[in-house]
Amino acid sequence: MTISINKISENEFSVTVSLETTSKHMVLIDDKTHLQLTNGRISKENLLKISFEFLLERESNSEILSSFELMVIQNYFPEYVDFVDKASR
């Protein structure tokens, strides 16, 4: 498995996940979300990596939304925020 993250702008990232199939995703992370989830302990890129690892434990890469704001994950998986808090320490 490969997760490639490219910064498009300060808040926009392109994420490519290569497994049996390759998927591409556009993800928005604003500064408020970044601080809320990590308290600035890790970079936005590392937050994305943790987030995609979390998602891939629960669904295939082809099932992950192609474009989304990072906090939408908690709408589908309520345990996401706690997971990130523990993983970013």
N, C-alpha and C. Protein backbone atom coordinates (compact mmCIF):
# COMPACT_ATOMS: atom_id res chain seq x y z
N MET A 1 0.84 -1.19 0.00
CA MET A 1 0.00 0.00 0.00
C MET A 1 0.88 1.24 0.00
N THR A 2 0.50 2.19 -0.83
CA THR A 2 1.20 3.47 -0.87
C THR A 2 0.19 4.60 -0.76
N ILE A 3 0.47 5.55 0.13
CA ILE A 3 -0.34 6.76 0.26
C ILE A 3 0.57 7.93 -0.09
N SER A 4 0.27 8.60 -1.19
CA SER A 4 1.06 9.76 -1.64
C SER A 4 0.24 11.02 -1.42
N ILE A 5 0.88 12.01 -0.80
CA ILE A 5 0.20 13.26 -0.47
C ILE A 5 0.92 14.42 -1.14
N ASN A 6 0.17 15.22 -1.90
CA ASN A 6 0.73 16.41 -2.54
C ASN A 6 -0.05 17.63 -2.09
N LYS A 7 0.68 18.63 -1.64
CA LYS A 7 0.06 19.86 -1.18
C LYS A 7 -0.29 20.72 -2.40
N ILE A 8 -1.55 21.07 -2.55
CA ILE A 8 -2.01 21.91 -3.65
C ILE A 8 -1.99 23.37 -3.21
N SER A 9 -2.48 23.62 -2.02
CA SER A 9 -2.46 24.95 -1.41
C SER A 9 -2.36 24.74 0.10
N GLU A 10 -2.43 25.82 0.84
CA GLU A 10 -2.30 25.73 2.30
C GLU A 10 -3.31 24.77 2.92
N ASN A 11 -4.51 24.70 2.32
CA ASN A 11 -5.58 23.90 2.90
C ASN A 11 -6.07 22.76 2.01
N GLU A 12 -5.50 22.60 0.83
CA GLU A 12 -5.98 21.60 -0.12
C GLU A 12 -4.87 20.62 -0.48
N PHE A 13 -5.22 19.34 -0.44
CA PHE A 13 -4.23 18.29 -0.69
C PHE A 13 -4.80 17.26 -1.65
N SER A 14 -3.93 16.73 -2.47
CA SER A 14 -4.27 15.62 -3.35
C SER A 14 -3.65 14.37 -2.73
N VAL A 15 -4.48 13.35 -2.57
CA VAL A 15 -4.02 12.10 -1.96
C VAL A 15 -4.27 10.97 -2.96
N THR A 16 -3.22 10.22 -3.23
CA THR A 16 -3.33 9.05 -4.11
C THR A 16 -3.05 7.81 -3.29
N VAL A 17 -3.97 6.86 -3.36
CA VAL A 17 -3.83 5.60 -2.63
C VAL A 17 -3.67 4.49 -3.66
N SER A 18 -2.56 3.77 -3.57
CA SER A 18 -2.30 2.66 -4.49
C SER A 18 -2.37 1.34 -3.73
N LEU A 19 -3.36 0.55 -4.09
CA LEU A 19 -3.54 -0.80 -3.56
C LEU A 19 -3.72 -1.70 -4.77
N GLU A 20 -4.74 -2.55 -4.74
CA GLU A 20 -5.06 -3.33 -5.94
C GLU A 20 -5.50 -2.39 -7.05
N THR A 21 -6.18 -1.32 -6.67
CA THR A 21 -6.53 -0.25 -7.59
C THR A 21 -5.97 1.05 -7.04
N THR A 22 -5.88 2.05 -7.88
CA THR A 22 -5.39 3.36 -7.46
C THR A 22 -6.56 4.32 -7.40
N SER A 23 -6.62 5.09 -6.31
CA SER A 23 -7.68 6.10 -6.16
C SER A 23 -7.05 7.45 -5.87
N LYS A 24 -7.75 8.50 -6.29
CA LYS A 24 -7.28 9.87 -6.04
C LYS A 24 -8.36 10.63 -5.30
N HIS A 25 -7.90 11.47 -4.37
CA HIS A 25 -8.82 12.18 -3.49
C HIS A 25 -8.32 13.61 -3.29
N MET A 26 -9.25 14.55 -3.28
CA MET A 26 -8.95 15.94 -2.93
C MET A 26 -9.51 16.17 -1.53
N VAL A 27 -8.64 16.62 -0.62
CA VAL A 27 -9.05 16.77 0.77
C VAL A 27 -8.73 18.18 1.25
N LEU A 28 -9.69 18.79 1.93
CA LEU A 28 -9.51 20.11 2.52
C LEU A 28 -9.30 19.98 4.02
N ILE A 29 -8.27 20.66 4.50
CA ILE A 29 -8.00 20.72 5.95
C ILE A 29 -7.69 22.18 6.28
N ASP A 30 -8.61 22.85 6.96
CA ASP A 30 -8.31 24.23 7.34
C ASP A 30 -7.52 24.22 8.66
N ASP A 31 -6.97 25.37 9.00
CA ASP A 31 -6.13 25.46 10.19
C ASP A 31 -6.91 25.13 11.47
N LYS A 32 -8.17 25.54 11.52
CA LYS A 32 -8.99 25.27 12.71
C LYS A 32 -9.15 23.76 12.92
N THR A 33 -9.43 23.04 11.85
CA THR A 33 -9.58 21.59 11.93
C THR A 33 -8.26 20.94 12.34
N HIS A 34 -7.17 21.39 11.74
CA HIS A 34 -5.84 20.85 12.05
C HIS A 34 -5.54 21.01 13.54
N LEU A 35 -5.78 22.20 14.07
CA LEU A 35 -5.52 22.45 15.50
C LEU A 35 -6.47 21.67 16.39
N GLN A 36 -7.73 21.59 15.99
CA GLN A 36 -8.73 20.86 16.78
C GLN A 36 -8.36 19.39 16.90
N LEU A 37 -7.90 18.80 15.82
CA LEU A 37 -7.59 17.37 15.82
C LEU A 37 -6.23 17.04 16.43
N THR A 38 -5.25 17.91 16.23
CA THR A 38 -3.88 17.55 16.61
C THR A 38 -3.22 18.51 17.59
N ASN A 39 -3.86 19.64 17.86
CA ASN A 39 -3.26 20.68 18.69
C ASN A 39 -1.90 21.10 18.14
N GLY A 40 -1.73 20.95 16.82
CA GLY A 40 -0.49 21.35 16.17
C GLY A 40 0.67 20.39 16.38
N ARG A 41 0.42 19.22 16.94
CA ARG A 41 1.50 18.27 17.24
C ARG A 41 2.11 17.66 15.99
N ILE A 42 1.32 17.53 14.92
CA ILE A 42 1.82 16.96 13.67
C ILE A 42 1.40 17.84 12.50
N SER A 43 2.04 17.67 11.38
CA SER A 43 1.72 18.47 10.19
C SER A 43 0.39 18.03 9.57
N LYS A 44 -0.12 18.86 8.69
CA LYS A 44 -1.34 18.48 7.98
C LYS A 44 -1.10 17.23 7.13
N GLU A 45 0.07 17.11 6.55
CA GLU A 45 0.39 15.93 5.75
C GLU A 45 0.38 14.67 6.60
N ASN A 46 0.96 14.72 7.79
CA ASN A 46 0.93 13.55 8.68
C ASN A 46 -0.49 13.25 9.16
N LEU A 47 -1.27 14.28 9.39
CA LEU A 47 -2.67 14.10 9.75
C LEU A 47 -3.42 13.37 8.63
N LEU A 48 -3.15 13.74 7.41
CA LEU A 48 -3.77 13.06 6.27
C LEU A 48 -3.36 11.60 6.21
N LYS A 49 -2.09 11.33 6.42
CA LYS A 49 -1.61 9.94 6.38
C LYS A 49 -2.32 9.11 7.44
N ILE A 50 -2.39 9.62 8.65
CA ILE A 50 -3.09 8.93 9.73
C ILE A 50 -4.56 8.73 9.39
N SER A 51 -5.16 9.75 8.82
CA SER A 51 -6.58 9.70 8.48
C SER A 51 -6.87 8.66 7.41
N PHE A 52 -6.01 8.59 6.39
CA PHE A 52 -6.23 7.59 5.35
C PHE A 52 -5.94 6.18 5.85
N GLU A 53 -4.96 6.02 6.72
CA GLU A 53 -4.73 4.70 7.32
C GLU A 53 -5.96 4.28 8.11
N PHE A 54 -6.55 5.22 8.84
CA PHE A 54 -7.78 4.96 9.59
C PHE A 54 -8.89 4.51 8.64
N LEU A 55 -9.09 5.26 7.57
CA LEU A 55 -10.15 4.93 6.61
C LEU A 55 -9.93 3.57 5.96
N LEU A 56 -8.69 3.29 5.61
CA LEU A 56 -8.40 2.04 4.90
C LEU A 56 -8.55 0.81 5.79
N GLU A 57 -8.56 1.00 7.09
CA GLU A 57 -8.86 -0.11 8.00
C GLU A 57 -10.36 -0.43 8.00
N ARG A 58 -11.16 0.50 7.45
CA ARG A 58 -12.61 0.37 7.52
C ARG A 58 -13.30 0.22 6.17
N GLU A 59 -12.61 0.62 5.10
CA GLU A 59 -13.20 0.53 3.77
C GLU A 59 -12.10 0.50 2.72
N SER A 60 -12.46 0.09 1.52
CA SER A 60 -11.46 0.05 0.45
C SER A 60 -11.19 1.46 -0.07
N ASN A 61 -10.07 1.64 -0.71
CA ASN A 61 -9.73 2.97 -1.21
C ASN A 61 -10.75 3.47 -2.23
N SER A 62 -11.36 2.57 -2.97
CA SER A 62 -12.36 2.98 -3.96
C SER A 62 -13.66 3.46 -3.31
N GLU A 63 -13.86 3.15 -2.03
CA GLU A 63 -15.06 3.59 -1.31
C GLU A 63 -14.88 4.95 -0.63
N ILE A 64 -13.66 5.42 -0.53
CA ILE A 64 -13.39 6.71 0.10
C ILE A 64 -13.84 7.81 -0.85
N LEU A 65 -14.49 8.82 -0.31
CA LEU A 65 -14.98 9.92 -1.13
C LEU A 65 -13.85 10.53 -1.96
N SER A 66 -14.17 10.95 -3.16
CA SER A 66 -13.14 11.51 -4.04
C SER A 66 -12.76 12.94 -3.66
N SER A 67 -13.67 13.63 -3.00
CA SER A 67 -13.39 15.00 -2.56
C SER A 67 -14.16 15.25 -1.26
N PHE A 68 -13.45 15.72 -0.23
CA PHE A 68 -14.12 15.95 1.05
C PHE A 68 -13.30 16.84 1.97
N GLU A 69 -13.98 17.42 2.94
CA GLU A 69 -13.35 18.17 4.02
C GLU A 69 -13.06 17.14 5.11
N LEU A 70 -11.90 17.20 5.69
CA LEU A 70 -11.42 16.13 6.57
C LEU A 70 -12.40 15.77 7.69
N MET A 71 -13.05 16.75 8.30
CA MET A 71 -13.93 16.47 9.44
C MET A 71 -15.17 15.67 9.06
N VAL A 72 -15.46 15.54 7.77
CA VAL A 72 -16.62 14.73 7.37
C VAL A 72 -16.42 13.26 7.77
N ILE A 73 -15.19 12.86 7.98
CA ILE A 73 -14.91 11.47 8.38
C ILE A 73 -15.67 11.11 9.66
N GLN A 74 -15.72 12.05 10.60
CA GLN A 74 -16.39 11.74 11.87
C GLN A 74 -17.90 11.54 11.69
N ASN A 75 -18.47 12.04 10.61
CA ASN A 75 -19.90 11.79 10.35
C ASN A 75 -20.15 10.31 10.05
N TYR A 76 -19.18 9.66 9.44
CA TYR A 76 -19.28 8.25 9.10
C TYR A 76 -18.71 7.33 10.17
N PHE A 77 -17.66 7.84 10.84
CA PHE A 77 -16.95 7.05 11.85
C PHE A 77 -16.74 7.92 13.10
N PRO A 78 -17.67 7.86 14.06
CA PRO A 78 -17.59 8.71 15.25
C PRO A 78 -16.30 8.55 16.05
N GLU A 79 -15.64 7.41 15.93
CA GLU A 79 -14.41 7.17 16.69
C GLU A 79 -13.18 7.86 16.08
N TYR A 80 -13.35 8.50 14.94
CA TYR A 80 -12.22 9.11 14.21
C TYR A 80 -11.44 10.12 15.05
N VAL A 81 -12.14 11.04 15.70
CA VAL A 81 -11.46 12.11 16.45
C VAL A 81 -10.59 11.51 17.56
N ASP A 82 -11.12 10.54 18.30
CA ASP A 82 -10.33 9.90 19.36
C ASP A 82 -9.13 9.16 18.79
N PHE A 83 -9.33 8.50 17.66
CA PHE A 83 -8.24 7.79 17.00
C PHE A 83 -7.10 8.75 16.64
N VAL A 84 -7.44 9.86 16.03
CA VAL A 84 -6.41 10.84 15.63
C VAL A 84 -5.72 11.41 16.85
N ASP A 85 -6.48 11.70 17.89
CA ASP A 85 -5.86 12.24 19.11
C ASP A 85 -4.81 11.30 19.65
N LYS A 86 -5.13 10.02 19.71
CA LYS A 86 -4.16 9.03 20.21
C LYS A 86 -3.00 8.84 19.26
N ALA A 87 -3.28 8.79 17.96
CA ALA A 87 -2.24 8.54 16.96
C ALA A 87 -1.29 9.72 16.79
N SER A 88 -1.72 10.91 17.14
CA SER A 88 -0.88 12.09 16.94
C SER A 88 -0.05 12.45 18.16
N ARG A 89 -0.12 11.64 19.19
CA ARG A 89 0.66 11.93 20.41
C ARG A 89 2.06 11.33 20.33
